[in-house]
């Protein structure tokens, strides 16, 4: 068989493949292809070789731009007489690339969740794509998902402050355990606790709801600026009251502020920030009222303040735990 005849068969095979992949069934059908392949064993062989050579073009097409392949097709058309095989292959590749580019475009346009986290003792400020700002407290992890119609943040552990850019067409939704917060634009703080979650509103209006196992959502409180809700999912209720802004928001500046707070509660709160845990060794100290501002960047300073202001002796065990004892009177 001459080279010219072989090229003609190869070009015909490429045209059959392109016609079938383009979806133009008016000119190319599976039955017609079968008839053409049966006419001559060389037809069947040429088509099989073409299919084998183009089996991996999907991977190539995913990395290429559609415009580049269109340019290649025009060049191949101009040189068709000189490079018939290249023209056939390029046409077939274009079919793969168009599908790949569409697929990649759909994939890129879909929003992906993003996770942010802080270690114990760390704080972090995150600017979201919608213009809202998150501040993460110590040992906190959140996942964000910015969709076209809604903005979602899930608090997986810890505490976060939200300054939400107002967008009435895209509600801002925060999930913390079984507690769900929904706003349009406001400033508020959410703390995920072991038995209850606390939502404190600095400005704006915040809806607090409870999520059930079947994803049913029921509003349990509507908070205004200066109000706080402690939501206990086990009791299906939220206790709403006013709150001390300085105490709740102090962590944002690296401080902890307490006013007549039982030492047991203070110790539990301080242990969120330091690797060496505090532990009350004398039961009589549990209800000791503590007032003051503590610097969360230095545990030694915190322990010294407790010792000097509240008649406490601190003893560090070999395992790093700091035991708190009531100071003995001489």
Protein backbone atom coordinates (compact mmCIF):
# COMPACT_ATOMS: atom_id res chain seq x y z
CA UNK A 1 0.00 0.00 0.00
CA UNK A 2 1.38 3.46 -0.91
CA UNK A 3 2.07 6.18 1.69
CA UNK A 4 -0.64 8.34 0.11
CA UNK A 5 -3.23 5.57 0.42
CA UNK A 6 -2.19 4.89 4.03
CA UNK A 7 -2.58 8.61 4.88
CA UNK A 8 -6.03 8.65 3.28
CA UNK A 9 -7.17 5.75 5.48
CA UNK A 10 -5.65 7.35 8.58
CA UNK A 11 -7.36 10.64 7.84
CA UNK A 12 -10.68 8.85 7.32
CA UNK A 13 -10.25 7.12 10.69
CA UNK A 14 -9.60 10.48 12.38
CA UNK A 15 -12.66 12.01 10.73
CA UNK A 16 -14.84 9.13 11.90
CA UNK A 17 -13.61 9.60 15.47
CA UNK A 18 -14.10 13.37 15.44
CA UNK A 19 -17.57 13.06 13.93
CA UNK A 20 -18.74 10.58 16.53
CA UNK A 21 -17.25 12.52 19.49
CA UNK A 22 -18.74 15.84 18.28
CA UNK A 23 -22.24 14.37 18.53
CA UNK A 24 -23.04 15.12 14.89
CA UNK A 25 -24.98 11.91 14.33
CA UNK A 26 -26.45 13.19 11.09
CA UNK A 27 -23.16 12.48 9.29
CA UNK A 28 -21.66 9.81 11.52
CA UNK A 29 -23.35 6.93 13.28
CA UNK A 30 -22.03 3.85 15.01
CA UNK A 31 -23.62 1.70 12.29
CA UNK A 32 -21.92 3.67 9.52
CA UNK A 33 -18.59 3.35 11.32
CA UNK A 34 -19.06 -0.39 11.60
CA UNK A 35 -19.78 -0.63 7.87
CA UNK A 36 -16.67 1.41 7.04
CA UNK A 37 -14.46 -0.71 9.30
CA UNK A 38 -15.83 -3.91 7.72
CA UNK A 39 -15.06 -2.71 4.20
CA UNK A 40 -11.33 -3.24 4.61
CA UNK A 41 -9.21 -4.76 7.41
CA UNK A 42 -6.93 -1.76 7.07
CA UNK A 43 -9.83 0.50 8.04
CA UNK A 44 -10.38 -1.41 11.27
CA UNK A 45 -6.64 -1.45 12.01
CA UNK A 46 -6.26 2.32 11.41
CA UNK A 47 -9.20 3.14 13.69
CA UNK A 48 -7.89 0.82 16.43
CA UNK A 49 -4.42 2.41 16.24
CA UNK A 50 -5.98 5.88 16.47
CA UNK A 51 -8.03 4.92 19.52
CA UNK A 52 -4.93 3.54 21.24
CA UNK A 53 -2.85 6.64 20.49
CA UNK A 54 -5.53 9.02 21.83
CA UNK A 55 -6.45 7.05 24.95
CA UNK A 56 -4.34 9.31 27.16
CA UNK A 57 -5.36 12.65 25.64
CA UNK A 58 -7.74 13.37 28.55
CA UNK A 59 -4.82 13.99 30.88
CA UNK A 60 -3.17 16.30 28.34
CA UNK A 61 -6.38 18.14 27.66
CA UNK A 62 -7.04 18.91 31.33
CA UNK A 63 -3.82 20.90 31.56
CA UNK A 64 -4.20 22.81 28.25
CA UNK A 65 -6.18 25.91 27.43
CA UNK A 66 -9.00 25.69 24.95
CA UNK A 67 -7.67 28.67 22.96
CA UNK A 68 -4.34 26.95 22.40
CA UNK A 69 -6.01 23.93 20.85
CA UNK A 70 -8.19 26.12 18.64
CA UNK A 71 -5.04 27.79 17.32
CA UNK A 72 -3.53 24.37 16.71
CA UNK A 73 -6.61 23.30 14.78
CA UNK A 74 -6.37 26.32 12.46
CA UNK A 75 -2.70 25.67 11.83
CA UNK A 76 -3.39 22.02 11.16
CA UNK A 77 -6.13 22.93 8.69
CA UNK A 78 -3.74 25.18 6.75
CA UNK A 79 -1.17 22.41 6.50
CA UNK A 80 -3.64 19.60 6.01
CA UNK A 81 -2.11 18.31 2.80
CA UNK A 82 1.36 18.17 4.36
CA UNK A 83 0.41 16.91 7.82
CA UNK A 84 -2.86 15.03 7.48
CA UNK A 85 -2.23 12.79 10.49
CA UNK A 86 -1.44 15.74 12.76
CA UNK A 87 -4.66 17.43 11.67
CA UNK A 88 -6.67 14.35 12.53
CA UNK A 89 -5.08 13.96 15.94
CA UNK A 90 -5.45 17.67 16.77
CA UNK A 91 -9.14 17.58 15.87
CA UNK A 92 -9.69 14.60 18.10
CA UNK A 93 -7.72 16.23 20.93
CA UNK A 94 -9.89 19.34 20.66
CA UNK A 95 -12.94 17.25 21.43
CA UNK A 96 -11.31 16.01 24.59
CA UNK A 97 -10.12 19.48 25.60
CA UNK A 98 -13.49 21.19 25.20
CA UNK A 99 -15.03 18.68 27.58
CA UNK A 100 -12.06 18.95 29.94
CA UNK A 101 -12.13 22.77 29.98
CA UNK A 102 -15.86 22.79 30.74
CA UNK A 103 -15.33 20.25 33.49
CA UNK A 104 -12.45 22.21 34.99
CA UNK A 105 -14.44 25.47 34.82
CA UNK A 106 -17.29 23.91 36.76
CA UNK A 107 -14.86 22.56 39.31
CA UNK A 108 -13.10 25.91 39.80
CA UNK A 109 -16.37 27.79 40.23
CA UNK A 110 -17.54 25.55 43.07
CA UNK A 111 -16.57 27.03 46.48
CA UNK A 112 -14.37 24.90 48.69
CA UNK A 113 -14.39 24.85 52.52
CA UNK A 114 -11.34 26.36 54.21
CA UNK A 115 -10.18 25.44 57.73
CA UNK A 116 -8.36 27.79 60.12
CA UNK A 117 -6.94 26.84 63.52
CA UNK A 118 -4.92 28.18 66.44
CA UNK A 119 -2.83 26.28 68.95
CA UNK A 120 -3.13 26.69 72.71
CA UNK A 121 -2.09 30.21 73.66
CA UNK A 122 -2.36 31.56 70.12
CA UNK A 123 -4.79 34.05 68.57
CA UNK A 124 -5.38 34.76 64.90
CA UNK A 125 -7.25 37.28 62.72
CA UNK A 126 -8.68 36.12 59.39
CA UNK A 127 -10.11 38.30 56.62
CA UNK A 128 -12.77 36.46 54.61
CA UNK A 129 -13.44 36.98 50.91
CA UNK A 130 -16.79 38.68 51.60
CA UNK A 131 -15.15 41.40 53.71
CA UNK A 132 -16.03 39.88 57.09
CA UNK A 133 -13.32 39.38 59.72
CA UNK A 134 -12.86 36.49 62.17
CA UNK A 135 -10.73 36.54 65.30
CA UNK A 136 -9.86 33.12 66.69
CA UNK A 137 -9.10 32.66 70.36
CA UNK A 138 -6.78 30.05 71.84
CA UNK A 139 -7.05 26.41 70.69
CA UNK A 140 -9.79 27.16 68.16
CA UNK A 141 -10.67 25.57 64.84
CA UNK A 142 -13.24 26.80 62.33
CA UNK A 143 -14.19 25.87 58.78
CA UNK A 144 -15.56 28.48 56.37
CA UNK A 145 -17.58 28.05 53.20
CA UNK A 146 -18.46 31.16 51.19
CA UNK A 147 -21.32 30.32 48.81
CA UNK A 148 -23.22 32.57 46.43
CA UNK A 149 -26.40 32.60 48.52
CA UNK A 150 -25.06 31.92 52.05
CA UNK A 151 -21.90 32.31 54.10
CA UNK A 152 -21.10 29.47 56.51
CA UNK A 153 -18.68 29.09 59.42
CA UNK A 154 -18.52 25.98 61.59
CA UNK A 155 -16.79 26.24 64.96
CA UNK A 156 -15.30 22.83 65.65
CA UNK A 157 -13.67 23.87 68.91
CA UNK A 158 -12.83 27.00 70.86
CA UNK A 159 -14.06 30.58 70.55
CA UNK A 160 -14.29 33.20 67.82
CA UNK A 161 -15.32 36.81 67.38
CA UNK A 162 -17.15 37.77 64.18
CA UNK A 163 -17.33 41.15 62.49
CA UNK A 164 -19.73 40.39 59.66
CA UNK A 165 -20.03 42.59 56.59
CA UNK A 166 -23.68 43.24 55.94
CA UNK A 167 -25.15 41.48 52.91
CA UNK A 168 -28.92 41.01 52.98
CA UNK A 169 -28.79 38.61 50.04
CA UNK A 170 -26.28 36.27 51.74
CA UNK A 171 -27.05 35.38 55.38
CA UNK A 172 -24.01 34.63 57.57
CA UNK A 173 -24.53 31.36 59.44
CA UNK A 174 -22.39 30.04 62.28
CA UNK A 175 -22.76 26.47 63.56
CA UNK A 176 -21.30 25.61 66.96
CA UNK A 177 -22.32 22.13 68.04
CA UNK A 178 -26.12 22.13 68.17
CA UNK A 179 -26.25 25.92 68.26
CA UNK A 180 -26.80 27.88 65.06
CA UNK A 181 -26.38 31.63 64.73
CA UNK A 182 -27.81 33.53 61.75
CA UNK A 183 -27.08 37.18 60.96
CA UNK A 184 -26.95 39.61 58.04
CA UNK A 185 -24.30 41.95 59.41
CA UNK A 186 -23.20 42.42 63.00
CA UNK A 187 -20.47 41.85 65.60
CA UNK A 188 -20.71 38.97 68.04
CA UNK A 189 -18.73 36.36 69.95
CA UNK A 190 -19.36 32.59 70.02
CA UNK A 191 -17.79 30.20 72.50
CA UNK A 192 -18.22 26.45 72.07
CA UNK A 193 -18.38 24.77 75.49
CA UNK A 194 -18.51 21.22 76.77
CA UNK A 195 -22.12 21.41 77.95
CA UNK A 196 -23.37 24.73 76.56
CA UNK A 197 -22.50 27.37 73.97
CA UNK A 198 -22.41 31.10 74.64
CA UNK A 199 -23.32 33.76 72.08
CA UNK A 200 -22.59 37.40 73.01
CA UNK A 201 -23.72 40.26 70.76
CA UNK A 202 -21.71 43.46 70.52
CA UNK A 203 -23.81 45.13 67.83
CA UNK A 204 -26.71 44.31 65.54
CA UNK A 205 -29.34 41.59 65.77
CA UNK A 206 -28.52 37.88 66.10
CA UNK A 207 -30.82 34.88 65.81
CA UNK A 208 -29.82 31.89 67.95
CA UNK A 209 -31.33 28.53 67.04
CA UNK A 210 -31.00 24.88 67.95
CA UNK A 211 -30.23 22.26 65.32
CA UNK A 212 -31.69 18.78 65.77
CA UNK A 213 -30.33 15.47 64.51
CA UNK A 214 -32.59 15.67 61.45
CA UNK A 215 -31.22 19.18 60.66
CA UNK A 216 -34.43 20.86 61.79
CA UNK A 217 -33.68 24.38 63.07
CA UNK A 218 -35.72 26.08 65.80
CA UNK A 219 -35.04 29.60 67.04
CA UNK A 220 -34.50 29.78 70.80
CA UNK A 221 -33.46 33.43 71.19
CA UNK A 222 -33.25 36.72 69.32
CA UNK A 223 -30.41 38.81 70.71
CA UNK A 224 -29.81 42.55 70.57
CA UNK A 225 -26.59 44.43 71.28
CA UNK A 226 -25.47 43.88 74.87
CA UNK A 227 -27.34 40.57 75.23
CA UNK A 228 -25.91 37.11 75.68
CA UNK A 229 -27.47 33.67 75.30
CA UNK A 230 -26.17 30.52 76.97
CA UNK A 231 -27.62 27.70 74.92
CA UNK A 232 -27.89 24.27 76.50
CA UNK A 233 -28.84 21.86 73.71
CA UNK A 234 -29.64 19.09 76.19
CA UNK A 235 -32.34 21.28 77.75
CA UNK A 236 -33.52 22.74 74.43
CA UNK A 237 -33.36 26.22 75.86
CA UNK A 238 -31.27 29.37 75.99
CA UNK A 239 -30.83 31.68 78.97
CA UNK A 240 -30.68 35.31 77.82
CA UNK A 241 -29.12 38.03 79.96
CA UNK A 242 -26.88 41.05 79.79
CA UNK A 243 -23.11 40.61 79.88
CA UNK A 244 -19.94 42.49 80.75
CA UNK A 245 -18.41 43.44 77.41
CA UNK A 246 -14.97 43.92 78.94
CA UNK A 247 -14.89 40.42 80.40
CA UNK A 248 -16.20 38.61 77.33
CA UNK A 249 -14.11 40.51 74.78
CA UNK A 250 -10.88 40.85 76.81
CA UNK A 251 -9.27 37.84 75.12
CA UNK A 252 -9.10 39.79 71.86
CA UNK A 253 -6.34 41.93 73.41
CA UNK A 254 -4.60 39.01 75.14
CA UNK A 255 -6.21 39.59 78.51
CA UNK A 256 -8.60 37.77 80.84
CA UNK A 257 -10.88 39.89 83.02
CA UNK A 258 -12.80 38.49 86.00
CA UNK A 259 -15.19 40.08 88.48
CA UNK A 260 -16.14 38.14 91.58
CA UNK A 261 -15.67 34.94 89.58
CA UNK A 262 -15.21 31.66 91.51
CA UNK A 263 -11.62 30.40 91.35
CA UNK A 264 -12.82 27.08 89.93
CA UNK A 265 -14.26 28.92 86.93
CA UNK A 266 -11.15 31.08 86.60
CA UNK A 267 -8.89 28.01 86.59
CA UNK A 268 -11.02 26.30 83.97
CA UNK A 269 -10.85 29.38 81.77
CA UNK A 270 -7.10 29.97 82.21
CA UNK A 271 -6.34 26.36 81.34
CA UNK A 272 -7.55 27.08 77.81
CA UNK A 273 -4.47 29.25 77.27
CA UNK A 274 -1.56 27.43 78.89
CA UNK A 275 0.07 24.04 78.38
CA UNK A 276 0.82 23.60 82.11
CA UNK A 277 -2.64 23.13 83.66
CA UNK A 278 -3.70 24.70 86.94
CA UNK A 279 -5.40 22.47 89.47
CA UNK A 280 -7.09 23.37 92.76
CA UNK A 281 -5.60 21.18 95.48
CA UNK A 282 -7.69 22.58 98.36
CA UNK A 283 -11.44 22.18 97.86
CA UNK A 284 -12.05 25.25 100.02
CA UNK A 285 -10.53 27.43 97.29
CA UNK A 286 -13.07 26.45 94.63
CA UNK A 287 -15.54 29.21 95.52
CA UNK A 288 -12.93 31.89 96.26
CA UNK A 289 -14.08 35.05 94.39
CA UNK A 290 -11.49 36.37 91.98
CA UNK A 291 -11.45 39.86 90.47
CA UNK A 292 -8.76 41.30 88.26
CA UNK A 293 -7.17 41.43 84.82
CA UNK A 294 -4.59 38.82 83.86
CA UNK A 295 -2.06 38.86 81.02
CA UNK A 296 -2.56 35.70 78.98
CA UNK A 297 0.84 35.85 77.32
CA UNK A 298 2.79 34.76 80.43
CA UNK A 299 1.60 32.00 82.77
CA UNK A 300 4.26 32.77 85.39
CA UNK A 301 2.86 36.29 85.74
CA UNK A 302 -0.65 34.89 86.11
CA UNK A 303 0.39 32.45 88.83
CA UNK A 304 2.34 35.16 90.68
CA UNK A 305 -0.75 37.39 90.61
CA UNK A 306 -2.94 34.63 92.05
CA UNK A 307 -0.43 33.96 94.82
CA UNK A 308 0.05 37.58 95.83
CA UNK A 309 -3.55 38.80 95.56
CA UNK A 310 -5.50 35.82 96.87
CA UNK A 311 -3.27 34.19 99.50
CA UNK A 312 -2.57 31.14 97.36
CA UNK A 313 0.53 28.99 97.21
CA UNK A 314 1.35 27.37 93.85
CA UNK A 315 3.41 24.18 93.68
CA UNK A 316 4.50 22.68 90.37
CA UNK A 317 4.57 18.90 90.14
CA UNK A 318 7.09 16.95 88.12
CA UNK A 319 4.49 16.33 85.42
CA UNK A 320 4.03 20.09 84.98
CA UNK A 321 0.66 20.45 86.73
CA UNK A 322 0.50 23.54 88.97
CA UNK A 323 -1.31 22.80 92.22
CA UNK A 324 -3.04 25.64 94.05
CA UNK A 325 -3.17 25.50 97.85
CA UNK A 326 -4.68 27.86 100.40
CA UNK A 327 -1.82 29.64 102.12
CA UNK A 328 -1.41 28.54 105.69
CA UNK A 329 -1.57 31.27 108.33
CA UNK A 330 1.39 31.44 110.70
